[in-house]
Amino acid sequence: MTKVWFSLCKNGRETESGTVKADGTPEDKIFAVAAYIESGVTSSTFCVNIPIISL
């Protein structure tokens, strides 16, 4: 199994992290981070899809 690790930082401090399976289903290959804005609505702030990994 091939995994891709993500670490999102702000001002030198990690705010989110996660992994995706690069050889999984299309849903397994997506890493998304949601944020809550003042009105209480959830908004996608970061989303990445890993289509293929070449070694």
N, C-alpha and C. Protein backbone atom coordinates (compact mmCIF):
# COMPACT_ATOMS: atom_id res chain seq x y z
N MET A 1 0.84 -1.17 0.00
CA MET A 1 0.00 0.00 0.00
C MET A 1 0.89 1.24 0.00
N THR A 2 0.61 2.17 -0.89
CA THR A 2 1.35 3.42 -0.98
C THR A 2 0.53 4.52 -0.33
N LYS A 3 1.15 5.23 0.61
CA LYS A 3 0.46 6.32 1.30
C LYS A 3 1.19 7.63 1.05
N VAL A 4 0.41 8.71 1.07
CA VAL A 4 0.96 10.06 0.98
C VAL A 4 0.56 10.78 2.25
N TRP A 5 1.54 11.37 2.93
CA TRP A 5 1.29 12.09 4.18
C TRP A 5 1.20 13.58 3.91
N PHE A 6 0.27 14.24 4.55
CA PHE A 6 0.11 15.68 4.44
C PHE A 6 0.23 16.31 5.81
N SER A 7 0.87 17.46 5.85
CA SER A 7 0.96 18.24 7.07
C SER A 7 0.80 19.71 6.68
N LEU A 8 -0.28 20.33 7.13
CA LEU A 8 -0.53 21.74 6.84
C LEU A 8 -0.14 22.55 8.06
N CYS A 9 0.65 23.59 7.82
CA CYS A 9 1.14 24.43 8.91
C CYS A 9 0.76 25.88 8.67
N LYS A 10 0.58 26.59 9.77
CA LYS A 10 0.36 28.03 9.74
C LYS A 10 1.24 28.65 10.81
N ASN A 11 2.03 29.62 10.40
CA ASN A 11 2.97 30.28 11.32
C ASN A 11 3.88 29.27 12.02
N GLY A 12 4.33 28.26 11.29
CA GLY A 12 5.25 27.27 11.83
C GLY A 12 4.63 26.23 12.73
N ARG A 13 3.31 26.23 12.84
CA ARG A 13 2.62 25.28 13.73
C ARG A 13 1.68 24.41 12.91
N GLU A 14 1.72 23.11 13.12
CA GLU A 14 0.85 22.20 12.38
C GLU A 14 -0.61 22.42 12.77
N THR A 15 -1.46 22.60 11.75
CA THR A 15 -2.89 22.81 12.01
C THR A 15 -3.72 21.61 11.60
N GLU A 16 -3.28 20.87 10.59
CA GLU A 16 -3.98 19.67 10.12
C GLU A 16 -2.96 18.69 9.58
N SER A 17 -3.29 17.41 9.66
CA SER A 17 -2.45 16.38 9.04
C SER A 17 -3.32 15.20 8.67
N GLY A 18 -2.82 14.40 7.76
CA GLY A 18 -3.57 13.23 7.35
C GLY A 18 -2.82 12.43 6.30
N THR A 19 -3.38 11.30 5.94
CA THR A 19 -2.80 10.45 4.91
C THR A 19 -3.87 10.06 3.90
N VAL A 20 -3.43 9.75 2.69
CA VAL A 20 -4.32 9.19 1.68
C VAL A 20 -3.65 7.95 1.11
N LYS A 21 -4.47 7.02 0.63
CA LYS A 21 -3.97 5.81 -0.01
C LYS A 21 -3.82 6.09 -1.50
N ALA A 22 -2.60 6.17 -1.98
CA ALA A 22 -2.36 6.51 -3.38
C ALA A 22 -2.80 5.40 -4.32
N ASP A 23 -2.92 4.18 -3.83
CA ASP A 23 -3.34 3.07 -4.69
C ASP A 23 -4.73 2.56 -4.32
N GLY A 24 -5.52 3.39 -3.66
CA GLY A 24 -6.87 3.00 -3.24
C GLY A 24 -7.93 3.44 -4.23
N THR A 25 -9.15 3.50 -3.76
CA THR A 25 -10.27 3.95 -4.58
C THR A 25 -10.16 5.46 -4.79
N PRO A 26 -10.93 6.03 -5.73
CA PRO A 26 -10.88 7.48 -5.91
C PRO A 26 -11.16 8.25 -4.62
N GLU A 27 -12.06 7.77 -3.79
CA GLU A 27 -12.37 8.43 -2.53
C GLU A 27 -11.18 8.36 -1.56
N ASP A 28 -10.40 7.27 -1.62
CA ASP A 28 -9.23 7.11 -0.75
C ASP A 28 -8.12 8.10 -1.10
N LYS A 29 -8.11 8.61 -2.34
CA LYS A 29 -7.02 9.45 -2.84
C LYS A 29 -7.24 10.93 -2.60
N ILE A 30 -8.26 11.30 -1.85
CA ILE A 30 -8.58 12.71 -1.63
C ILE A 30 -8.30 13.10 -0.18
N PHE A 31 -7.59 14.21 -0.01
CA PHE A 31 -7.35 14.79 1.31
C PHE A 31 -8.00 16.16 1.31
N ALA A 32 -8.92 16.38 2.21
CA ALA A 32 -9.63 17.66 2.27
C ALA A 32 -9.67 18.17 3.71
N VAL A 33 -9.57 19.47 3.84
CA VAL A 33 -9.64 20.12 5.15
C VAL A 33 -10.77 21.13 5.09
N ALA A 34 -11.63 21.10 6.07
CA ALA A 34 -12.75 22.03 6.14
C ALA A 34 -12.53 23.02 7.28
N ALA A 35 -13.05 24.22 7.10
CA ALA A 35 -12.95 25.24 8.13
C ALA A 35 -14.33 25.84 8.35
N TYR A 36 -14.57 26.27 9.56
CA TYR A 36 -15.83 26.93 9.90
C TYR A 36 -15.63 28.43 9.85
N ILE A 37 -16.48 29.11 9.12
CA ILE A 37 -16.39 30.56 9.05
C ILE A 37 -17.44 31.19 9.97
N GLU A 38 -17.38 32.47 10.15
CA GLU A 38 -18.20 33.15 11.16
C GLU A 38 -19.69 32.84 11.07
N SER A 39 -20.22 32.69 9.88
CA SER A 39 -21.66 32.46 9.73
C SER A 39 -22.06 31.03 10.09
N GLY A 40 -21.09 30.19 10.44
CA GLY A 40 -21.39 28.81 10.82
C GLY A 40 -21.40 27.85 9.64
N VAL A 41 -21.05 28.35 8.47
CA VAL A 41 -21.02 27.52 7.27
C VAL A 41 -19.67 26.83 7.18
N THR A 42 -19.66 25.56 6.77
CA THR A 42 -18.42 24.83 6.56
C THR A 42 -17.94 25.10 5.15
N SER A 43 -16.68 25.44 5.02
CA SER A 43 -16.10 25.74 3.72
C SER A 43 -14.84 24.91 3.52
N SER A 44 -14.69 24.31 2.35
CA SER A 44 -13.48 23.55 2.04
C SER A 44 -12.36 24.54 1.79
N THR A 45 -11.30 24.44 2.57
CA THR A 45 -10.19 25.37 2.42
C THR A 45 -8.99 24.76 1.73
N PHE A 46 -8.90 23.45 1.72
CA PHE A 46 -7.78 22.76 1.08
C PHE A 46 -8.25 21.39 0.64
N CYS A 47 -8.02 21.06 -0.60
CA CYS A 47 -8.41 19.75 -1.11
C CYS A 47 -7.40 19.34 -2.17
N VAL A 48 -6.93 18.11 -2.09
CA VAL A 48 -5.97 17.61 -3.07
C VAL A 48 -6.34 16.18 -3.44
N ASN A 49 -6.17 15.85 -4.70
CA ASN A 49 -6.42 14.50 -5.22
C ASN A 49 -5.10 13.97 -5.73
N ILE A 50 -4.74 12.75 -5.33
CA ILE A 50 -3.50 12.12 -5.77
C ILE A 50 -3.86 11.10 -6.86
N PRO A 51 -3.71 11.46 -8.15
CA PRO A 51 -4.11 10.54 -9.20
C PRO A 51 -3.16 9.36 -9.40
N ILE A 52 -1.84 9.57 -9.25
CA ILE A 52 -0.87 8.50 -9.45
C ILE A 52 0.45 8.87 -8.77
N ILE A 53 1.14 7.86 -8.28
CA ILE A 53 2.44 8.03 -7.69
C ILE A 53 3.43 7.20 -8.51
N SER A 54 4.50 7.83 -8.98
CA SER A 54 5.54 7.12 -9.73
C SER A 54 6.78 7.00 -8.85
N LEU A 55 7.27 5.80 -8.71
CA LEU A 55 8.48 5.58 -7.90
C LEU A 55 9.64 5.26 -8.78
